Amino acid sequence: MRITLNIVASLLVLAGAIWFLQGVNVLPGSFMTGQTRWAVYGGIALVVGIALLLTANRRPRRER
């Protein structure tokens, strides 16, 4: 399960970064270029992906 979450989260971070960069007109060449909507979607995807990565790689608590 951890490996699957890491893969999904990494893909989400990558896609989110691309969407964000296209939305803020840094990465040209798509219908998303220069549209604020895609920058917002990309930012959200980036944050969710990072949260998933942190959750998947959190160490379990040691019981006393």
N, C-alpha and C. Protein backbone atom coordinates (compact mmCIF):
# COMPACT_ATOMS: atom_id res chain seq x y z
N MET A 1 0.82 -1.19 0.00
CA MET A 1 0.00 0.00 0.00
C MET A 1 0.86 1.26 0.00
N ARG A 2 1.96 1.23 0.74
CA ARG A 2 2.84 2.38 0.82
C ARG A 2 3.45 2.72 -0.54
N ILE A 3 3.85 1.69 -1.28
CA ILE A 3 4.44 1.91 -2.60
C ILE A 3 3.42 2.53 -3.55
N THR A 4 2.21 2.02 -3.52
CA THR A 4 1.15 2.55 -4.38
C THR A 4 0.86 4.01 -4.06
N LEU A 5 0.77 4.34 -2.78
CA LEU A 5 0.53 5.73 -2.39
C LEU A 5 1.68 6.64 -2.82
N ASN A 6 2.89 6.15 -2.70
CA ASN A 6 4.04 6.95 -3.14
C ASN A 6 4.01 7.21 -4.64
N ILE A 7 3.65 6.21 -5.42
CA ILE A 7 3.59 6.38 -6.88
C ILE A 7 2.48 7.36 -7.25
N VAL A 8 1.30 7.17 -6.69
CA VAL A 8 0.17 8.07 -6.98
C VAL A 8 0.49 9.49 -6.55
N ALA A 9 1.06 9.64 -5.37
CA ALA A 9 1.40 10.98 -4.85
C ALA A 9 2.46 11.65 -5.72
N SER A 10 3.45 10.89 -6.16
CA SER A 10 4.50 11.45 -7.02
C SER A 10 3.94 11.91 -8.35
N LEU A 11 3.05 11.12 -8.93
CA LEU A 11 2.42 11.51 -10.18
C LEU A 11 1.55 12.75 -10.00
N LEU A 12 0.89 12.84 -8.87
CA LEU A 12 0.05 14.00 -8.58
C LEU A 12 0.90 15.26 -8.41
N VAL A 13 2.04 15.12 -7.76
CA VAL A 13 2.95 16.26 -7.59
C VAL A 13 3.48 16.70 -8.96
N LEU A 14 3.87 15.75 -9.79
CA LEU A 14 4.40 16.07 -11.11
C LEU A 14 3.34 16.76 -11.98
N ALA A 15 2.15 16.18 -12.03
CA ALA A 15 1.07 16.77 -12.82
C ALA A 15 0.70 18.16 -12.28
N GLY A 16 0.62 18.28 -10.97
CA GLY A 16 0.29 19.56 -10.36
C GLY A 16 1.32 20.64 -10.69
N ALA A 17 2.58 20.26 -10.66
CA ALA A 17 3.64 21.23 -10.99
C ALA A 17 3.53 21.68 -12.45
N ILE A 18 3.27 20.74 -13.34
CA ILE A 18 3.13 21.08 -14.76
C ILE A 18 1.92 21.98 -14.98
N TRP A 19 0.79 21.62 -14.37
CA TRP A 19 -0.43 22.44 -14.51
C TRP A 19 -0.20 23.84 -13.97
N PHE A 20 0.45 23.93 -12.81
CA PHE A 20 0.70 25.23 -12.21
C PHE A 20 1.60 26.08 -13.10
N LEU A 21 2.68 25.50 -13.59
CA LEU A 21 3.61 26.26 -14.43
C LEU A 21 2.96 26.69 -15.74
N GLN A 22 2.11 25.85 -16.30
CA GLN A 22 1.40 26.25 -17.51
C GLN A 22 0.37 27.32 -17.20
N GLY A 23 -0.27 27.22 -16.07
CA GLY A 23 -1.28 28.21 -15.70
C GLY A 23 -0.71 29.60 -15.46
N VAL A 24 0.52 29.67 -14.97
CA VAL A 24 1.15 30.98 -14.73
C VAL A 24 2.01 31.41 -15.91
N ASN A 25 1.86 30.71 -17.03
CA ASN A 25 2.50 31.07 -18.30
C ASN A 25 4.02 30.92 -18.30
N VAL A 26 4.54 29.98 -17.52
CA VAL A 26 5.97 29.71 -17.51
C VAL A 26 6.30 28.60 -18.51
N LEU A 27 5.43 27.63 -18.63
CA LEU A 27 5.61 26.49 -19.53
C LEU A 27 4.59 26.63 -20.67
N PRO A 28 4.99 27.15 -21.81
CA PRO A 28 4.03 27.37 -22.89
C PRO A 28 3.77 26.10 -23.70
N GLY A 29 2.77 26.18 -24.58
CA GLY A 29 2.55 25.12 -25.55
C GLY A 29 1.31 24.28 -25.32
N SER A 30 0.34 24.79 -24.61
CA SER A 30 -0.85 24.01 -24.32
C SER A 30 -2.05 24.94 -24.22
N PHE A 31 -3.24 24.36 -24.24
CA PHE A 31 -4.44 25.17 -24.05
C PHE A 31 -4.53 25.71 -22.63
N MET A 32 -3.73 25.16 -21.71
CA MET A 32 -3.75 25.59 -20.31
C MET A 32 -2.86 26.82 -20.08
N THR A 33 -2.02 27.15 -21.06
CA THR A 33 -1.05 28.22 -20.89
C THR A 33 -1.73 29.56 -20.63
N GLY A 34 -1.34 30.19 -19.54
CA GLY A 34 -1.82 31.51 -19.21
C GLY A 34 -3.22 31.56 -18.61
N GLN A 35 -3.78 30.43 -18.23
CA GLN A 35 -5.12 30.42 -17.64
C GLN A 35 -5.02 30.18 -16.14
N THR A 36 -5.53 31.12 -15.38
CA THR A 36 -5.44 31.07 -13.92
C THR A 36 -6.09 29.82 -13.35
N ARG A 37 -7.14 29.35 -13.99
CA ARG A 37 -7.85 28.16 -13.50
C ARG A 37 -6.87 26.98 -13.35
N TRP A 38 -5.98 26.80 -14.32
CA TRP A 38 -5.05 25.67 -14.28
C TRP A 38 -3.95 25.87 -13.24
N ALA A 39 -3.62 27.13 -12.98
CA ALA A 39 -2.66 27.40 -11.91
C ALA A 39 -3.25 27.01 -10.56
N VAL A 40 -4.54 27.29 -10.37
CA VAL A 40 -5.22 26.93 -9.12
C VAL A 40 -5.33 25.41 -9.00
N TYR A 41 -5.79 24.75 -10.08
CA TYR A 41 -5.89 23.29 -10.06
C TYR A 41 -4.52 22.65 -9.79
N GLY A 42 -3.49 23.19 -10.41
CA GLY A 42 -2.15 22.66 -10.21
C GLY A 42 -1.66 22.84 -8.79
N GLY A 43 -1.95 24.00 -8.21
CA GLY A 43 -1.56 24.24 -6.82
C GLY A 43 -2.25 23.29 -5.87
N ILE A 44 -3.53 23.05 -6.11
CA ILE A 44 -4.28 22.12 -5.27
C ILE A 44 -3.73 20.70 -5.42
N ALA A 45 -3.48 20.27 -6.65
CA ALA A 45 -2.93 18.94 -6.89
C ALA A 45 -1.56 18.79 -6.24
N LEU A 46 -0.76 19.84 -6.31
CA LEU A 46 0.57 19.81 -5.71
C LEU A 46 0.49 19.64 -4.19
N VAL A 47 -0.38 20.38 -3.55
CA VAL A 47 -0.53 20.30 -2.10
C VAL A 47 -1.07 18.93 -1.68
N VAL A 48 -2.05 18.42 -2.41
CA VAL A 48 -2.61 17.09 -2.10
C VAL A 48 -1.54 16.01 -2.30
N GLY A 49 -0.76 16.12 -3.36
CA GLY A 49 0.29 15.15 -3.60
C GLY A 49 1.36 15.15 -2.52
N ILE A 50 1.74 16.33 -2.08
CA ILE A 50 2.73 16.42 -1.00
C ILE A 50 2.16 15.85 0.30
N ALA A 51 0.90 16.14 0.58
CA ALA A 51 0.27 15.60 1.78
C ALA A 51 0.21 14.08 1.73
N LEU A 52 -0.10 13.52 0.55
CA LEU A 52 -0.11 12.06 0.41
C LEU A 52 1.28 11.47 0.61
N LEU A 53 2.29 12.13 0.06
CA LEU A 53 3.66 11.65 0.25
C LEU A 53 4.04 11.65 1.73
N LEU A 54 3.70 12.72 2.42
CA LEU A 54 4.02 12.79 3.85
C LEU A 54 3.26 11.72 4.64
N THR A 55 2.01 11.52 4.29
CA THR A 55 1.20 10.51 4.98
C THR A 55 1.73 9.10 4.72
N ALA A 56 2.09 8.82 3.48
CA ALA A 56 2.56 7.48 3.12
C ALA A 56 3.89 7.15 3.77
N ASN A 57 4.70 8.16 4.01
CA ASN A 57 6.04 7.91 4.54
C ASN A 57 6.19 8.24 6.02
N ARG A 58 5.06 8.47 6.67
CA ARG A 58 5.10 8.74 8.11
C ARG A 58 5.43 7.45 8.84
N ARG A 59 6.30 7.56 9.79
CA ARG A 59 6.68 6.39 10.56
C ARG A 59 5.61 6.08 11.60
N PRO A 60 5.31 4.83 11.80
CA PRO A 60 4.31 4.49 12.82
C PRO A 60 4.82 4.81 14.22
N ARG A 61 3.90 5.15 15.11
CA ARG A 61 4.27 5.44 16.49
C ARG A 61 4.69 4.16 17.19
N ARG A 62 5.68 4.31 18.05
CA ARG A 62 6.09 3.17 18.86
C ARG A 62 5.21 3.08 20.08
N GLU A 63 4.72 1.90 20.34
CA GLU A 63 3.88 1.71 21.52
C GLU A 63 4.76 1.42 22.72
N ARG A 64 4.38 1.93 23.87
CA ARG A 64 5.17 1.71 25.08
C ARG A 64 4.57 0.66 25.92
